[in-house]
């Protein structure tokens, strides 16, 4: 329980620092590199793929070593038992 509270406290604190930097960049004429670095770093963290699953569990993922066969089927076009690119 204490770990969960600590994590939430850290996230809330980091979020407050990020918002401070963004608002300071938008409003204060003297904002500089520190605020820009914090704002850009927080925005970059939001781009991380946090909703990922392991490749073995992903629906529709091509197994390791199967890319060559998958591309070959796509290049051959529609045929018996294969799906074309739809072009």
N, C-alpha and C. Protein backbone atom coordinates (compact mmCIF):
# COMPACT_ATOMS: atom_id res chain seq x y z
N UNK A 1 0.81 -1.19 0.00
CA UNK A 1 0.00 0.00 0.00
C UNK A 1 0.86 1.26 0.00
N UNK A 2 1.94 1.23 0.77
CA UNK A 2 2.81 2.40 0.83
C UNK A 2 3.49 2.64 -0.51
N UNK A 3 3.82 1.56 -1.22
CA UNK A 3 4.45 1.70 -2.54
C UNK A 3 3.53 2.36 -3.54
N UNK A 4 2.26 2.01 -3.49
CA UNK A 4 1.28 2.60 -4.40
C UNK A 4 1.12 4.09 -4.12
N UNK A 5 1.06 4.46 -2.85
CA UNK A 5 0.94 5.87 -2.48
C UNK A 5 2.18 6.64 -2.91
N UNK A 6 3.35 6.05 -2.71
CA UNK A 6 4.60 6.71 -3.11
C UNK A 6 4.66 6.91 -4.62
N UNK A 7 4.27 5.88 -5.38
CA UNK A 7 4.27 6.01 -6.84
C UNK A 7 3.33 7.11 -7.30
N UNK A 8 2.14 7.13 -6.73
CA UNK A 8 1.17 8.17 -7.12
C UNK A 8 1.67 9.56 -6.74
N UNK A 9 2.34 9.66 -5.58
CA UNK A 9 2.90 10.94 -5.17
C UNK A 9 3.99 11.42 -6.12
N UNK A 10 4.85 10.49 -6.54
CA UNK A 10 5.91 10.84 -7.48
C UNK A 10 5.32 11.26 -8.83
N UNK A 11 4.32 10.50 -9.30
CA UNK A 11 3.69 10.86 -10.58
C UNK A 11 2.98 12.20 -10.50
N UNK A 12 2.31 12.46 -9.39
CA UNK A 12 1.65 13.74 -9.23
C UNK A 12 2.66 14.88 -9.19
N UNK A 13 3.77 14.66 -8.49
CA UNK A 13 4.82 15.68 -8.43
C UNK A 13 5.45 15.95 -9.79
N UNK A 14 5.75 14.88 -10.53
CA UNK A 14 6.32 15.05 -11.87
C UNK A 14 5.34 15.73 -12.82
N UNK A 15 4.07 15.36 -12.69
CA UNK A 15 3.05 16.02 -13.51
C UNK A 15 2.94 17.50 -13.21
N UNK A 16 3.03 17.85 -11.93
CA UNK A 16 2.97 19.27 -11.54
C UNK A 16 4.18 20.03 -12.09
N UNK A 17 5.35 19.43 -12.04
CA UNK A 17 6.55 20.08 -12.59
C UNK A 17 6.41 20.26 -14.09
N UNK A 18 5.86 19.26 -14.78
CA UNK A 18 5.69 19.36 -16.24
C UNK A 18 4.72 20.49 -16.58
N UNK A 19 3.58 20.54 -15.87
CA UNK A 19 2.62 21.61 -16.13
C UNK A 19 3.20 22.98 -15.81
N UNK A 20 3.99 23.06 -14.74
CA UNK A 20 4.65 24.32 -14.41
C UNK A 20 5.52 24.77 -15.59
N UNK A 21 6.29 23.85 -16.16
CA UNK A 21 7.19 24.18 -17.26
C UNK A 21 6.39 24.61 -18.49
N UNK A 22 5.32 23.90 -18.80
CA UNK A 22 4.53 24.23 -19.99
C UNK A 22 3.86 25.60 -19.81
N UNK A 23 3.27 25.82 -18.66
CA UNK A 23 2.62 27.12 -18.43
C UNK A 23 3.63 28.26 -18.40
N UNK A 24 4.80 28.01 -17.84
CA UNK A 24 5.84 29.05 -17.82
C UNK A 24 6.31 29.37 -19.24
N UNK A 25 6.43 28.34 -20.09
CA UNK A 25 6.80 28.59 -21.49
C UNK A 25 5.74 29.41 -22.21
N UNK A 26 4.48 29.14 -21.89
CA UNK A 26 3.38 29.82 -22.58
C UNK A 26 3.17 31.25 -22.08
N UNK A 27 3.44 31.50 -20.79
CA UNK A 27 3.05 32.78 -20.21
C UNK A 27 4.25 33.68 -19.92
N UNK A 28 5.30 33.14 -19.34
CA UNK A 28 6.40 33.97 -18.87
C UNK A 28 7.35 34.32 -20.02
N UNK A 29 7.69 35.59 -20.16
CA UNK A 29 8.60 35.98 -21.22
C UNK A 29 10.04 35.54 -20.95
N UNK A 30 10.40 35.25 -19.72
CA UNK A 30 11.77 34.88 -19.40
C UNK A 30 12.01 33.38 -19.32
N UNK A 31 11.07 32.57 -19.80
CA UNK A 31 11.24 31.12 -19.75
C UNK A 31 12.40 30.72 -20.65
N UNK A 32 13.12 29.71 -20.23
CA UNK A 32 14.32 29.36 -20.98
C UNK A 32 14.46 27.88 -21.27
N UNK A 33 15.71 27.46 -21.30
CA UNK A 33 16.04 26.09 -21.71
C UNK A 33 15.58 25.06 -20.70
N UNK A 34 15.59 25.38 -19.42
CA UNK A 34 15.16 24.42 -18.41
C UNK A 34 13.69 24.05 -18.60
N UNK A 35 12.85 25.04 -18.76
CA UNK A 35 11.43 24.79 -18.96
C UNK A 35 11.18 24.04 -20.27
N UNK A 36 11.90 24.42 -21.31
CA UNK A 36 11.75 23.73 -22.59
C UNK A 36 12.17 22.29 -22.52
N UNK A 37 13.26 22.01 -21.80
CA UNK A 37 13.73 20.64 -21.66
C UNK A 37 12.73 19.79 -20.89
N UNK A 38 12.20 20.33 -19.81
CA UNK A 38 11.21 19.59 -19.02
C UNK A 38 9.95 19.34 -19.83
N UNK A 39 9.47 20.34 -20.54
CA UNK A 39 8.25 20.18 -21.34
C UNK A 39 8.46 19.18 -22.47
N UNK A 40 9.58 19.27 -23.16
CA UNK A 40 9.84 18.34 -24.27
C UNK A 40 10.05 16.93 -23.75
N UNK A 41 10.71 16.78 -22.63
CA UNK A 41 10.93 15.45 -22.06
C UNK A 41 9.64 14.79 -21.63
N UNK A 42 8.75 15.55 -21.00
CA UNK A 42 7.45 15.00 -20.61
C UNK A 42 6.61 14.63 -21.80
N UNK A 43 6.64 15.45 -22.84
CA UNK A 43 5.88 15.15 -24.04
C UNK A 43 6.45 13.90 -24.71
N UNK A 44 7.78 13.77 -24.73
CA UNK A 44 8.40 12.59 -25.33
C UNK A 44 8.04 11.33 -24.59
N UNK A 45 7.93 11.39 -23.27
CA UNK A 45 7.51 10.22 -22.50
C UNK A 45 6.09 9.80 -22.84
N UNK A 46 5.26 10.74 -23.22
CA UNK A 46 3.88 10.39 -23.57
C UNK A 46 3.81 9.60 -24.87
N UNK A 47 4.87 9.61 -25.65
CA UNK A 47 4.88 8.86 -26.90
C UNK A 47 5.32 7.41 -26.75
N UNK A 48 5.74 7.03 -25.56
CA UNK A 48 6.18 5.66 -25.34
C UNK A 48 5.00 4.70 -25.52
N UNK A 49 5.25 3.56 -26.12
CA UNK A 49 4.16 2.59 -26.31
C UNK A 49 3.89 1.82 -25.02
N UNK A 50 3.03 2.34 -24.18
CA UNK A 50 2.78 1.70 -22.89
C UNK A 50 1.69 0.64 -22.96
N UNK A 51 1.00 0.55 -24.06
CA UNK A 51 -0.07 -0.43 -24.19
C UNK A 51 0.37 -1.55 -25.13
N UNK A 52 1.51 -2.12 -24.87
CA UNK A 52 2.06 -3.18 -25.71
C UNK A 52 1.85 -4.53 -25.06
N UNK A 53 1.84 -5.54 -25.88
CA UNK A 53 1.79 -6.92 -25.39
C UNK A 53 2.96 -7.67 -26.01
N UNK A 54 3.28 -8.79 -25.42
CA UNK A 54 4.35 -9.62 -25.97
C UNK A 54 3.96 -10.11 -27.36
N UNK A 55 4.95 -10.26 -28.23
CA UNK A 55 4.68 -10.67 -29.60
C UNK A 55 3.96 -12.01 -29.67
N UNK A 56 4.27 -12.89 -28.73
CA UNK A 56 3.62 -14.21 -28.73
C UNK A 56 2.13 -14.09 -28.41
N UNK A 57 1.72 -13.04 -27.72
CA UNK A 57 0.32 -12.87 -27.35
C UNK A 57 -0.44 -11.92 -28.28
N UNK A 58 0.25 -11.23 -29.15
CA UNK A 58 -0.39 -10.24 -30.02
C UNK A 58 -1.20 -10.94 -31.11
N UNK A 59 -2.42 -10.46 -31.30
CA UNK A 59 -3.28 -11.02 -32.33
C UNK A 59 -2.81 -10.53 -33.69
N UNK A 60 -2.59 -11.44 -34.62
CA UNK A 60 -2.17 -11.09 -35.96
C UNK A 60 -0.70 -10.84 -36.14
N UNK A 61 0.11 -11.03 -35.12
CA UNK A 61 1.55 -10.81 -35.25
C UNK A 61 2.18 -11.97 -36.03
N UNK A 62 3.12 -11.63 -36.88
CA UNK A 62 3.82 -12.64 -37.67
C UNK A 62 4.93 -13.23 -36.79
N UNK A 63 5.03 -14.54 -36.77
CA UNK A 63 6.03 -15.22 -35.93
C UNK A 63 7.45 -14.87 -36.39
N UNK A 64 8.40 -15.08 -35.51
CA UNK A 64 9.80 -14.81 -35.82
C UNK A 64 10.22 -15.66 -37.02
N UNK A 65 10.88 -15.03 -37.99
CA UNK A 65 11.35 -15.74 -39.16
C UNK A 65 10.30 -15.92 -40.25
N UNK A 66 9.10 -15.38 -40.04
CA UNK A 66 8.04 -15.58 -41.01
C UNK A 66 7.81 -14.36 -41.90
N UNK A 67 8.58 -13.30 -41.71
CA UNK A 67 8.37 -12.08 -42.50
C UNK A 67 8.60 -12.33 -43.99
N UNK A 68 9.62 -13.10 -44.31
CA UNK A 68 9.93 -13.37 -45.71
C UNK A 68 8.75 -14.06 -46.40
N UNK A 69 8.17 -15.04 -45.74
CA UNK A 69 7.02 -15.74 -46.31
C UNK A 69 5.80 -14.82 -46.41
N UNK A 70 5.61 -13.97 -45.43
CA UNK A 70 4.48 -13.05 -45.47
C UNK A 70 4.62 -12.06 -46.62
N UNK A 71 5.81 -11.54 -46.86
CA UNK A 71 6.02 -10.62 -47.98
C UNK A 71 5.89 -11.34 -49.31
N UNK A 72 6.34 -12.57 -49.38
CA UNK A 72 6.25 -13.33 -50.62
C UNK A 72 4.79 -13.52 -51.01
N UNK A 73 3.93 -13.83 -50.06
CA UNK A 73 2.50 -14.00 -50.35
C UNK A 73 1.90 -12.68 -50.82
N UNK A 74 2.29 -11.59 -50.21
CA UNK A 74 1.77 -10.29 -50.60
C UNK A 74 2.23 -9.88 -51.99
N UNK A 75 3.45 -10.25 -52.37
CA UNK A 75 3.98 -9.86 -53.69
C UNK A 75 3.40 -10.72 -54.81
N UNK A 76 3.05 -11.97 -54.52
CA UNK A 76 2.53 -12.86 -55.56
C UNK A 76 1.14 -12.45 -56.01
N UNK A 77 0.43 -11.73 -55.16
CA UNK A 77 -0.90 -11.28 -55.53
C UNK A 77 -1.95 -12.33 -55.22
N UNK A 78 -3.19 -12.04 -55.60
CA UNK A 78 -4.26 -12.98 -55.28
C UNK A 78 -4.08 -14.30 -56.01
N UNK A 79 -4.33 -15.33 -55.30
CA UNK A 79 -4.21 -16.67 -55.88
C UNK A 79 -4.92 -17.66 -54.98
N UNK A 80 -4.67 -18.90 -55.21
CA UNK A 80 -5.31 -19.92 -54.41
C UNK A 80 -4.73 -19.89 -53.00
N UNK A 81 -5.58 -19.61 -52.04
CA UNK A 81 -5.16 -19.63 -50.65
C UNK A 81 -4.35 -18.43 -50.19
N UNK A 82 -4.22 -17.41 -51.01
CA UNK A 82 -3.46 -16.24 -50.58
C UNK A 82 -4.32 -15.01 -50.68
N UNK A 83 -3.94 -13.99 -49.96
CA UNK A 83 -4.68 -12.74 -49.95
C UNK A 83 -3.82 -11.68 -50.62
N UNK A 84 -4.35 -10.97 -51.57
CA UNK A 84 -3.60 -9.93 -52.27
C UNK A 84 -3.52 -8.66 -51.46
N UNK A 85 -2.81 -7.67 -51.98
CA UNK A 85 -2.65 -6.41 -51.29
C UNK A 85 -3.88 -5.53 -51.40
N UNK A 86 -4.79 -5.85 -52.26
CA UNK A 86 -5.98 -5.04 -52.41
C UNK A 86 -5.76 -3.78 -53.22
N UNK A 87 -4.77 -3.77 -54.08
CA UNK A 87 -4.48 -2.58 -54.89
C UNK A 87 -5.25 -2.61 -56.18
